[in-house]
Each structure stands twice: as C-alpha cells, then as structure tokens.
Amino acid sequence: MSGSAEVDSRIGELGRAQPGYLGRESRIGADGRELTVRYDRDAESISRWQRHPEHLEAQ
C-alpha cells in the first residue's frame, strides 16, 4: 500500500473484522495528532490483534 490513508483504511477494516472487537474512538488534538482508543472483549482479543501480521507491519 502506498499512502498512509490507504494503510489506515486497511488496518481499520482488519481491526473491525477481528473476533472480540467492540469499537473504537478517535480524537484529533489541536496539534493535528490523532489518538485512537480501541475496545475489545477480552485480553485474548487484544493479544490476537497485537500479533496480527498486517497490524504489526503498519506500526
């Protein structure tokens, strides 16, 4: 993928498809930086997402 918008879109799509995903909230600060908080059902869901190969690559 070439642009960060494409990567963000793909990662969002993958994240929503993960078992245990409950939702997310994003805010953009005055400095233009974005903070996103992701909600998952349990620790295993979080761990599985943290180990997802495309998520790791995007980081």
Protein backbone atom coordinates (compact mmCIF):
# COMPACT_ATOMS: atom_id res chain seq x y z
CA MET A 1 0.00 0.00 0.00
CA SER A 2 1.32 3.37 -0.88
CA GLY A 3 -0.28 6.04 1.29
CA SER A 4 -0.97 6.30 4.96
CA ALA A 5 -4.69 6.86 4.31
CA GLU A 6 -4.79 3.52 2.48
CA VAL A 7 -2.93 1.81 5.32
CA ASP A 8 -5.24 3.39 7.92
CA SER A 9 -8.27 2.24 5.96
CA ARG A 10 -6.96 -1.31 5.61
CA ILE A 11 -5.99 -1.58 9.28
CA GLY A 12 -9.39 -0.24 10.33
CA GLU A 13 -11.09 -2.81 8.12
CA LEU A 14 -8.97 -5.62 9.54
CA GLY A 15 -9.47 -4.43 13.10
CA ARG A 16 -13.25 -4.34 12.81
CA ALA A 17 -13.21 -7.91 11.45
CA GLN A 18 -11.25 -9.31 14.40
CA PRO A 19 -13.12 -11.55 16.85
CA GLY A 20 -13.76 -9.67 20.09
CA TYR A 21 -13.70 -6.19 18.54
CA LEU A 22 -16.20 -3.91 20.29
CA GLY A 23 -15.45 -0.49 18.82
CA ARG A 24 -13.11 2.48 18.79
CA GLU A 25 -13.00 6.19 19.46
CA SER A 26 -10.70 8.71 17.81
CA ARG A 27 -9.89 12.31 18.62
CA ILE A 28 -7.65 14.80 16.85
CA GLY A 29 -5.73 17.18 19.08
CA ALA A 30 -5.03 20.85 18.46
CA ASP A 31 -1.62 19.81 17.13
CA GLY A 32 -3.26 17.63 14.47
CA ARG A 33 -2.20 14.33 16.01
CA GLU A 34 -4.80 11.59 16.24
CA LEU A 35 -5.36 9.38 19.25
CA THR A 36 -7.43 6.23 18.83
CA VAL A 37 -8.68 4.01 21.63
CA ARG A 38 -9.78 0.52 20.67
CA TYR A 39 -12.18 -1.58 22.74
CA ASP A 40 -12.06 -5.38 22.77
CA ARG A 41 -13.99 -8.06 24.60
CA ASP A 42 -11.06 -9.60 26.47
CA ALA A 43 -7.28 -9.87 26.82
CA GLU A 44 -7.08 -12.66 24.23
CA SER A 45 -8.81 -10.44 21.65
CA ILE A 46 -6.29 -7.67 22.36
CA SER A 47 -3.36 -10.05 22.17
CA ARG A 48 -4.58 -11.56 18.87
CA TRP A 49 -4.85 -8.06 17.35
CA GLN A 50 -1.41 -7.07 18.62
CA ARG A 51 0.07 -10.13 16.86
CA HIS A 52 -1.79 -9.67 13.55
CA PRO A 53 0.89 -9.54 10.81
CA GLU A 54 -0.56 -6.56 8.89
CA HIS A 55 -1.13 -4.62 12.10
CA LEU A 56 2.49 -5.24 13.11
CA GLU A 57 3.72 -4.12 9.69
CA ALA A 58 1.63 -0.94 9.79
CA GLN A 59 3.12 0.03 13.15
